[in-house]
PDB file of N, CA and C in Angstrom:
ATOM      1  N   UNK A   1      10.105   7.745  14.774  1.00  0.00           N
ATOM      2  CA  UNK A   1      10.742   7.625  16.070  1.00  0.00           C
ATOM      3  C   UNK A   1      10.977   9.006  16.681  1.00  0.00           C
ATOM      4  N   UNK A   2      11.337   9.982  15.839  1.00  0.00           N
ATOM      5  CA  UNK A   2      11.602  11.316  16.366  1.00  0.00           C
ATOM      6  C   UNK A   2      10.344  11.976  16.923  1.00  0.00           C
ATOM      7  N   UNK A   3       9.200  11.628  16.384  1.00  0.00           N
ATOM      8  CA  UNK A   3       7.941  12.219  16.846  1.00  0.00           C
ATOM      9  C   UNK A   3       7.300  11.390  17.958  1.00  0.00           C
ATOM     10  N   UNK A   4       8.005  10.361  18.426  1.00  0.00           N
ATOM     11  CA  UNK A   4       7.474   9.471  19.465  1.00  0.00           C
ATOM     12  C   UNK A   4       6.153   8.846  19.051  1.00  0.00           C
ATOM     13  N   UNK A   5       6.036   8.525  17.778  1.00  0.00           N
ATOM     14  CA  UNK A   5       4.825   7.869  17.284  1.00  0.00           C
ATOM     15  C   UNK A   5       4.824   6.429  17.775  1.00  0.00           C
ATOM     16  N   UNK A   6       3.739   5.982  18.390  1.00  0.00           N
ATOM     17  CA  UNK A   6       3.675   4.597  18.836  1.00  0.00           C
ATOM     18  C   UNK A   6       3.806   3.654  17.627  1.00  0.00           C
ATOM     19  N   UNK A   7       4.560   2.562  17.764  1.00  0.00           N
ATOM     20  CA  UNK A   7       4.743   1.643  16.637  1.00  0.00           C
ATOM     21  C   UNK A   7       3.429   1.154  16.032  1.00  0.00           C
ATOM     22  N   UNK A   8       2.431   0.882  16.854  1.00  0.00           N
ATOM     23  CA  UNK A   8       1.145   0.404  16.320  1.00  0.00           C
ATOM     24  C   UNK A   8       0.496   1.463  15.434  1.00  0.00           C
ATOM     25  N   UNK A   9       0.602   2.728  15.814  1.00  0.00           N
ATOM     26  CA  UNK A   9       0.033   3.808  15.000  1.00  0.00           C
ATOM     27  C   UNK A   9       0.783   3.941  13.677  1.00  0.00           C
ATOM     28  N   UNK A  10       2.110   3.822  13.722  1.00  0.00           N
ATOM     29  CA  UNK A  10       2.904   3.912  12.493  1.00  0.00           C
ATOM     30  C   UNK A  10       2.595   2.744  11.566  1.00  0.00           C
ATOM     31  N   UNK A  11       2.453   1.542  12.119  1.00  0.00           N
ATOM     32  CA  UNK A  11       2.124   0.379  11.295  1.00  0.00           C
ATOM     33  C   UNK A  11       0.726   0.498  10.696  1.00  0.00           C
ATOM     34  N   UNK A  12      -0.210   1.032  11.457  1.00  0.00           N
ATOM     35  CA  UNK A  12      -1.565   1.214  10.944  1.00  0.00           C
ATOM     36  C   UNK A  12      -1.574   2.232   9.797  1.00  0.00           C
ATOM     37  N   UNK A  13      -0.819   3.312   9.960  1.00  0.00           N
ATOM     38  CA  UNK A  13      -0.727   4.318   8.896  1.00  0.00           C
ATOM     39  C   UNK A  13      -0.075   3.722   7.651  1.00  0.00           C
ATOM     40  N   UNK A  14       0.954   2.913   7.834  1.00  0.00           N
ATOM     41  CA  UNK A  14       1.624   2.269   6.713  1.00  0.00           C
ATOM     42  C   UNK A  14       0.684   1.289   6.009  1.00  0.00           C
ATOM     43  N   UNK A  15      -0.086   0.548   6.789  1.00  0.00           N
ATOM     44  CA  UNK A  15      -1.077  -0.386   6.248  1.00  0.00           C
ATOM     45  C   UNK A  15      -2.067   0.371   5.361  1.00  0.00           C
ATOM     46  N   UNK A  16      -2.601   1.473   5.872  1.00  0.00           N
ATOM     47  CA  UNK A  16      -3.570   2.270   5.111  1.00  0.00           C
ATOM     48  C   UNK A  16      -2.931   2.849   3.852  1.00  0.00           C
ATOM     49  N   UNK A  17      -1.743   3.431   3.993  1.00  0.00           N
ATOM     50  CA  UNK A  17      -1.077   4.083   2.857  1.00  0.00           C
ATOM     51  C   UNK A  17      -0.786   3.088   1.749  1.00  0.00           C
ATOM     52  N   UNK A  18      -0.323   1.910   2.104  1.00  0.00           N
ATOM     53  CA  UNK A  18      -0.014   0.891   1.111  1.00  0.00           C
ATOM     54  C   UNK A  18      -1.280   0.416   0.415  1.00  0.00           C
ATOM     55  N   UNK A  19      -2.314   0.170   1.194  1.00  0.00           N
ATOM     56  CA  UNK A  19      -3.587  -0.279   0.638  1.00  0.00           C
ATOM     57  C   UNK A  19      -4.193   0.783  -0.278  1.00  0.00           C
ATOM     58  N   UNK A  20      -4.161   2.033   0.150  1.00  0.00           N
ATOM     59  CA  UNK A  20      -4.705   3.118  -0.668  1.00  0.00           C
ATOM     60  C   UNK A  20      -3.944   3.252  -1.990  1.00  0.00           C
ATOM     61  N   UNK A  21      -2.624   3.086  -1.955  1.00  0.00           N
ATOM     62  CA  UNK A  21      -1.822   3.178  -3.183  1.00  0.00           C
ATOM     63  C   UNK A  21      -2.164   2.041  -4.140  1.00  0.00           C
ATOM     64  N   UNK A  22      -2.319   0.841  -3.601  1.00  0.00           N
ATOM     65  CA  UNK A  22      -2.669  -0.297  -4.450  1.00  0.00           C
ATOM     66  C   UNK A  22      -4.052  -0.112  -5.077  1.00  0.00           C
ATOM     67  N   UNK A  23      -4.983   0.376  -4.297  1.00  0.00           N
ATOM     68  CA  UNK A  23      -6.331   0.593  -4.832  1.00  0.00           C
ATOM     69  C   UNK A  23      -6.353   1.730  -5.846  1.00  0.00           C
ATOM     70  N   UNK A  24      -5.503   2.717  -5.650  1.00  0.00           N
ATOM     71  CA  UNK A  24      -5.412   3.805  -6.626  1.00  0.00           C
ATOM     72  C   UNK A  24      -4.941   3.262  -7.974  1.00  0.00           C
ATOM     73  N   UNK A  25      -3.965   2.377  -7.949  1.00  0.00           N
ATOM     74  CA  UNK A  25      -3.503   1.751  -9.193  1.00  0.00           C
ATOM     75  C   UNK A  25      -4.579   0.841  -9.772  1.00  0.00           C
ATOM     76  N   UNK A  26      -5.294   0.138  -8.895  1.00  0.00           N
ATOM     77  CA  UNK A  26      -6.353  -0.762  -9.358  1.00  0.00           C
ATOM     78  C   UNK A  26      -7.447   0.011 -10.091  1.00  0.00           C
ATOM     79  N   UNK A  27      -7.725   1.223  -9.647  1.00  0.00           N
ATOM     80  CA  UNK A  27      -8.728   2.047 -10.334  1.00  0.00           C
ATOM     81  C   UNK A  27      -8.334   2.314 -11.773  1.00  0.00           C
ATOM     82  N   UNK A  28      -7.035   2.410 -12.019  1.00  0.00           N
ATOM     83  CA  UNK A  28      -6.551   2.704 -13.364  1.00  0.00           C
ATOM     84  C   UNK A  28      -6.397   1.456 -14.207  1.00  0.00           C
ATOM     85  N   UNK A  29      -6.177   0.328 -13.544  1.00  0.00           N
ATOM     86  CA  UNK A  29      -5.937  -0.917 -14.267  1.00  0.00           C
ATOM     87  C   UNK A  29      -7.211  -1.712 -14.527  1.00  0.00           C
ATOM     88  N   UNK A  30      -8.175  -1.588 -13.650  1.00  0.00           N
ATOM     89  CA  UNK A  30      -9.402  -2.383 -13.721  1.00  0.00           C
ATOM     90  C   UNK A  30     -10.612  -1.483 -13.813  1.00  0.00           C
ATOM     91  N   UNK A  31     -11.696  -2.036 -14.220  1.00  0.00           N
ATOM     92  CA  UNK A  31     -12.954  -1.288 -14.208  1.00  0.00           C
ATOM     93  C   UNK A  31     -13.621  -1.527 -12.853  1.00  0.00           C
ATOM     94  N   UNK A  32     -12.988  -0.963 -11.844  1.00  0.00           N
ATOM     95  CA  UNK A  32     -13.397  -1.170 -10.461  1.00  0.00           C
ATOM     96  C   UNK A  32     -14.372  -0.101  -9.994  1.00  0.00           C
ATOM     97  N   UNK A  33     -14.112   1.128 -10.332  1.00  0.00           N
ATOM     98  CA  UNK A  33     -14.948   2.242  -9.916  1.00  0.00           C
ATOM     99  C   UNK A  33     -14.601   2.711  -8.515  1.00  0.00           C
ATOM    100  N   UNK A  34     -14.904   3.968  -8.254  1.00  0.00           N
ATOM    101  CA  UNK A  34     -14.557   4.561  -6.967  1.00  0.00           C
ATOM    102  C   UNK A  34     -15.335   3.941  -5.813  1.00  0.00           C
ATOM    103  N   UNK A  35     -16.581   3.619  -6.032  1.00  0.00           N
ATOM    104  CA  UNK A  35     -17.379   2.996  -4.967  1.00  0.00           C
ATOM    105  C   UNK A  35     -16.824   1.607  -4.653  1.00  0.00           C
ATOM    106  N   UNK A  36     -16.461   0.855  -5.685  1.00  0.00           N
ATOM    107  CA  UNK A  36     -15.868  -0.460  -5.476  1.00  0.00           C
ATOM    108  C   UNK A  36     -14.560  -0.369  -4.713  1.00  0.00           C
ATOM    109  N   UNK A  37     -13.734   0.613  -5.061  1.00  0.00           N
ATOM    110  CA  UNK A  37     -12.456   0.798  -4.375  1.00  0.00           C
ATOM    111  C   UNK A  37     -12.676   1.161  -2.912  1.00  0.00           C
ATOM    112  N   UNK A  38     -13.632   2.045  -2.649  1.00  0.00           N
ATOM    113  CA  UNK A  38     -13.918   2.417  -1.265  1.00  0.00           C
ATOM    114  C   UNK A  38     -14.468   1.240  -0.468  1.00  0.00           C
ATOM    115  N   UNK A  39     -15.267   0.411  -1.106  1.00  0.00           N
ATOM    116  CA  UNK A  39     -15.797  -0.779  -0.437  1.00  0.00           C
ATOM    117  C   UNK A  39     -14.663  -1.733  -0.068  1.00  0.00           C
ATOM    118  N   UNK A  40     -13.744  -1.949  -1.011  1.00  0.00           N
ATOM    119  CA  UNK A  40     -12.585  -2.800  -0.731  1.00  0.00           C
ATOM    120  C   UNK A  40     -11.710  -2.210   0.364  1.00  0.00           C
ATOM    121  N   UNK A  41     -11.511  -0.911   0.323  1.00  0.00           N
ATOM    122  CA  UNK A  41     -10.711  -0.245   1.342  1.00  0.00           C
ATOM    123  C   UNK A  41     -11.321  -0.444   2.723  1.00  0.00           C
ATOM    124  N   UNK A  42     -12.617  -0.236   2.830  1.00  0.00           N
ATOM    125  CA  UNK A  42     -13.307  -0.417   4.106  1.00  0.00           C
ATOM    126  C   UNK A  42     -13.204  -1.853   4.593  1.00  0.00           C
ATOM    127  N   UNK A  43     -13.409  -2.794   3.680  1.00  0.00           N
ATOM    128  CA  UNK A  43     -13.343  -4.210   4.039  1.00  0.00           C
ATOM    129  C   UNK A  43     -11.941  -4.593   4.518  1.00  0.00           C
ATOM    130  N   UNK A  44     -10.939  -4.131   3.811  1.00  0.00           N
ATOM    131  CA  UNK A  44      -9.565  -4.476   4.178  1.00  0.00           C
ATOM    132  C   UNK A  44      -9.117  -3.778   5.462  1.00  0.00           C
ATOM    133  N   UNK A  45      -9.579  -2.560   5.679  1.00  0.00           N
ATOM    134  CA  UNK A  45      -9.197  -1.844   6.889  1.00  0.00           C
ATOM    135  C   UNK A  45      -9.730  -2.521   8.146  1.00  0.00           C
ATOM    136  N   UNK A  46     -10.773  -3.323   8.009  1.00  0.00           N
ATOM    137  CA  UNK A  46     -11.280  -4.077   9.152  1.00  0.00           C
ATOM    138  C   UNK A  46     -10.239  -5.084   9.639  1.00  0.00           C
ATOM    139  N   UNK A  47      -9.304  -5.442   8.772  1.00  0.00           N
ATOM    140  CA  UNK A  47      -8.251  -6.398   9.123  1.00  0.00           C
ATOM    141  C   UNK A  47      -6.980  -5.707   9.612  1.00  0.00           C
ATOM    142  N   UNK A  48      -6.974  -4.383   9.673  1.00  0.00           N
ATOM    143  CA  UNK A  48      -5.765  -3.646  10.043  1.00  0.00           C
ATOM    144  C   UNK A  48      -5.258  -4.038  11.424  1.00  0.00           C
ATOM    145  N   UNK A  49      -6.141  -4.161  12.377  1.00  0.00           N
ATOM    146  CA  UNK A  49      -5.720  -4.502  13.743  1.00  0.00           C
ATOM    147  C   UNK A  49      -4.996  -5.837  13.799  1.00  0.00           C
ATOM    148  N   UNK A  50      -5.549  -6.841  13.129  1.00  0.00           N
ATOM    149  CA  UNK A  50      -4.922  -8.171  13.117  1.00  0.00           C
ATOM    150  C   UNK A  50      -3.582  -8.129  12.386  1.00  0.00           C
ATOM    151  N   UNK A  51      -3.510  -7.392  11.287  1.00  0.00           N
ATOM    152  CA  UNK A  51      -2.263  -7.297  10.527  1.00  0.00           C
ATOM    153  C   UNK A  51      -1.179  -6.596  11.340  1.00  0.00           C
ATOM    154  N   UNK A  52      -1.553  -5.527  12.044  1.00  0.00           N
ATOM    155  CA  UNK A  52      -0.595  -4.799  12.874  1.00  0.00           C
ATOM    156  C   UNK A  52      -0.131  -5.671  14.036  1.00  0.00           C
ATOM    157  N   UNK A  53      -1.053  -6.403  14.643  1.00  0.00           N
ATOM    158  CA  UNK A  53      -0.681  -7.297  15.751  1.00  0.00           C
ATOM    159  C   UNK A  53       0.309  -8.356  15.277  1.00  0.00           C
ATOM    160  N   UNK A  54       0.053  -8.922  14.112  1.00  0.00           N
ATOM    161  CA  UNK A  54       0.966  -9.944  13.581  1.00  0.00           C
ATOM    162  C   UNK A  54       2.313  -9.331  13.204  1.00  0.00           C
ATOM    163  N   UNK A  55       2.287  -8.154  12.588  1.00  0.00           N
ATOM    164  CA  UNK A  55       3.538  -7.494  12.196  1.00  0.00           C
ATOM    165  C   UNK A  55       4.379  -7.151  13.423  1.00  0.00           C
ATOM    166  N   UNK A  56       3.731  -6.887  14.535  1.00  0.00           N
ATOM    167  CA  UNK A  56       4.445  -6.529  15.757  1.00  0.00           C
ATOM    168  C   UNK A  56       5.225  -7.707  16.340  1.00  0.00           C
ATOM    169  N   UNK A  57       4.925  -8.908  15.902  1.00  0.00           N
ATOM    170  CA  UNK A  57       5.627 -10.083  16.425  1.00  0.00           C
ATOM    171  C   UNK A  57       6.865 -10.444  15.594  1.00  0.00           C
ATOM    172  N   UNK A  58       7.064  -9.773  14.468  1.00  0.00           N
ATOM    173  CA  UNK A  58       8.213 -10.068  13.592  1.00  0.00           C
ATOM    174  C   UNK A  58       9.466  -9.451  14.206  1.00  0.00           C
ATOM    175  N   UNK A  59      10.526 -10.240  14.379  1.00  0.00           N
ATOM    176  CA  UNK A  59      11.773  -9.668  14.915  1.00  0.00           C
ATOM    177  C   UNK A  59      12.313  -8.585  13.982  1.00  0.00           C
ATOM    178  N   UNK A  60      12.891  -7.549  14.541  1.00  0.00           N
ATOM    179  CA  UNK A  60      13.348  -6.400  13.748  1.00  0.00           C
ATOM    180  C   UNK A  60      14.303  -6.787  12.613  1.00  0.00           C
ATOM    181  N   UNK A  61      15.268  -7.701  12.820  1.00  0.00           N
ATOM    182  CA  UNK A  61      16.156  -8.062  11.695  1.00  0.00           C
ATOM    183  C   UNK A  61      15.410  -8.719  10.523  1.00  0.00           C
ATOM    184  N   UNK A  62      14.249  -9.309  10.801  1.00  0.00           N
ATOM    185  CA  UNK A  62      13.482  -9.973   9.744  1.00  0.00           C
ATOM    186  C   UNK A  62      12.466  -9.053   9.077  1.00  0.00           C
ATOM    187  N   UNK A  63      12.307  -7.856   9.603  1.00  0.00           N
ATOM    188  CA  UNK A  63      11.287  -6.935   9.085  1.00  0.00           C
ATOM    189  C   UNK A  63      11.843  -6.126   7.922  1.00  0.00           C
ATOM    190  N   UNK A  64      10.946  -5.749   7.039  1.00  0.00           N
ATOM    191  CA  UNK A  64      11.305  -4.826   5.983  1.00  0.00           C
ATOM    192  C   UNK A  64      11.617  -5.486   4.670  1.00  0.00           C
ATOM    193  N   UNK A  65      11.466  -4.698   3.644  1.00  0.00           N
ATOM    194  CA  UNK A  65      11.741  -5.112   2.289  1.00  0.00           C
ATOM    195  C   UNK A  65      11.957  -3.851   1.494  1.00  0.00           C
ATOM    196  N   UNK A  66      12.984  -3.828   0.701  1.00  0.00           N
ATOM    197  CA  UNK A  66      13.294  -2.627  -0.065  1.00  0.00           C
ATOM    198  C   UNK A  66      13.821  -3.027  -1.423  1.00  0.00           C
ATOM    199  N   UNK A  67      13.210  -2.484  -2.457  1.00  0.00           N
ATOM    200  CA  UNK A  67      13.683  -2.722  -3.806  1.00  0.00           C
ATOM    201  C   UNK A  67      13.470  -1.442  -4.607  1.00  0.00           C
ATOM    202  N   UNK A  68      14.505  -0.632  -4.759  1.00  0.00           N
ATOM    203  CA  UNK A  68      14.337   0.633  -5.476  1.00  0.00           C
ATOM    204  C   UNK A  68      13.997   0.442  -6.950  1.00  0.00           C
ATOM    205  N   UNK A  69      14.209  -0.750  -7.489  1.00  0.00           N
ATOM    206  CA  UNK A  69      13.898  -0.977  -8.899  1.00  0.00           C
ATOM    207  C   UNK A  69      12.398  -0.820  -9.176  1.00  0.00           C
ATOM    208  N   UNK A  70      11.564  -1.115  -8.190  1.00  0.00           N
ATOM    209  CA  UNK A  70      10.125  -0.920  -8.380  1.00  0.00           C
ATOM    210  C   UNK A  70       9.792   0.558  -8.581  1.00  0.00           C
ATOM    211  N   UNK A  71      10.420   1.417  -7.797  1.00  0.00           N
ATOM    212  CA  UNK A  71      10.184   2.860  -7.939  1.00  0.00           C
ATOM    213  C   UNK A  71      10.750   3.381  -9.255  1.00  0.00           C
ATOM    214  N   UNK A  72      11.897   2.876  -9.638  1.00  0.00           N
ATOM    215  CA  UNK A  72      12.503   3.304 -10.909  1.00  0.00           C
ATOM    216  C   UNK A  72      11.612   2.898 -12.078  1.00  0.00           C
ATOM    217  N   UNK A  73      11.109   1.672 -12.045  1.00  0.00           N
ATOM    218  CA  UNK A  73      10.211   1.213 -13.109  1.00  0.00           C
ATOM    219  C   UNK A  73       8.947   2.054 -13.145  1.00  0.00           C
ATOM    220  N   UNK A  74       8.438   2.410 -11.990  1.00  0.00           N
ATOM    221  CA  UNK A  74       7.241   3.244 -11.927  1.00  0.00           C
ATOM    222  C   UNK A  74       7.503   4.620 -12.533  1.00  0.00           C
ATOM    223  N   UNK A  75       8.657   5.183 -12.274  1.00  0.00           N
ATOM    224  CA  UNK A  75       9.004   6.501 -12.817  1.00  0.00           C
ATOM    225  C   UNK A  75       9.142   6.460 -14.330  1.00  0.00           C
ATOM    226  N   UNK A  76       9.541   5.339 -14.870  1.00  0.00           N
ATOM    227  CA  UNK A  76       9.710   5.206 -16.324  1.00  0.00           C
ATOM    228  C   UNK A  76       8.389   5.003 -17.055  1.00  0.00           C
ATOM    229  N   UNK A  77       7.330   4.790 -16.327  1.00  0.00           N
ATOM    230  CA  UNK A  77       6.040   4.506 -16.951  1.00  0.00           C
ATOM    231  C   UNK A  77       5.614   5.622 -17.915  1.00  0.00           C
ATOM    232  N   UNK A  78       5.899   6.844 -17.554  1.00  0.00           N
ATOM    233  CA  UNK A  78       5.470   7.985 -18.364  1.00  0.00           C
ATOM    234  C   UNK A  78       6.036   7.937 -19.774  1.00  0.00           C
ATOM    235  N   UNK A  79       7.243   7.407 -19.915  1.00  0.00           N
ATOM    236  CA  UNK A  79       7.871   7.376 -21.230  1.00  0.00           C
ATOM    237  C   UNK A  79       7.869   5.978 -21.855  1.00  0.00           C
ATOM    238  N   UNK A  80       7.109   5.077 -21.285  1.00  0.00           N
ATOM    239  CA  UNK A  80       7.071   3.696 -21.784  1.00  0.00           C
ATOM    240  C   UNK A  80       6.475   3.646 -23.188  1.00  0.00           C
ATOM    241  N   UNK A  81       6.903   2.662 -23.969  1.00  0.00           N
ATOM    242  CA  UNK A  81       6.382   2.471 -25.320  1.00  0.00           C
ATOM    243  C   UNK A  81       4.891   2.152 -25.285  1.00  0.00           C
ATOM    244  N   UNK A  82       4.494   1.310 -24.343  1.00  0.00           N
ATOM    245  CA  UNK A  82       3.089   0.937 -24.184  1.00  0.00           C
ATOM    246  C   UNK A  82       2.646   1.274 -22.775  1.00  0.00           C
ATOM    247  N   UNK A  83       1.510   1.933 -22.657  1.00  0.00           N
ATOM    248  CA  UNK A  83       0.979   2.257 -21.335  1.00  0.00           C
ATOM    249  C   UNK A  83      -0.139   1.286 -21.026  1.00  0.00           C
ATOM    250  N   UNK A  84      -0.205   0.832 -19.775  1.00  0.00           N
ATOM    251  CA  UNK A  84      -1.174  -0.194 -19.433  1.00  0.00           C
ATOM    252  C   UNK A  84      -2.405   0.320 -18.697  1.00  0.00           C
ATOM    253  N   UNK A  85      -2.380   1.575 -18.281  1.00  0.00           N
ATOM    254  CA  UNK A  85      -3.531   2.076 -17.543  1.00  0.00           C
ATOM    255  C   UNK A  85      -4.688   2.399 -18.478  1.00  0.00           C
ATOM    256  N   UNK A  86      -5.893   2.152 -17.979  1.00  0.00           N
ATOM    257  CA  UNK A  86      -7.094   2.515 -18.714  1.00  0.00           C
ATOM    258  C   UNK A  86      -7.239   4.029 -18.631  1.00  0.00           C
ATOM    259  N   UNK A  87      -7.340   4.699 -19.761  1.00  0.00           N
ATOM    260  CA  UNK A  87      -7.518   6.160 -19.714  1.00  0.00           C
ATOM    261  C   UNK A  87      -8.293   6.624 -20.924  1.00  0.00           C
TER     262      UNK A  87
END
């Protein structure tokens, strides 16, 4: 808001960032490969416009989701007894 970023641009950036993070994890969890991940990214980004348009219709009080426990669990992964990523 401080940078006067148009809401559609911010939602598109959020869409990309979330998708890229999920695919980054998928690369470690699955035998997907970088080309496969890029193909999925390209395919999903084709839907960004429709997703942003739909998200723009959600009333502000109904928007958003926050659960810090997901981030805390992610931070604990390094010291976990069992690691699940392929390495």
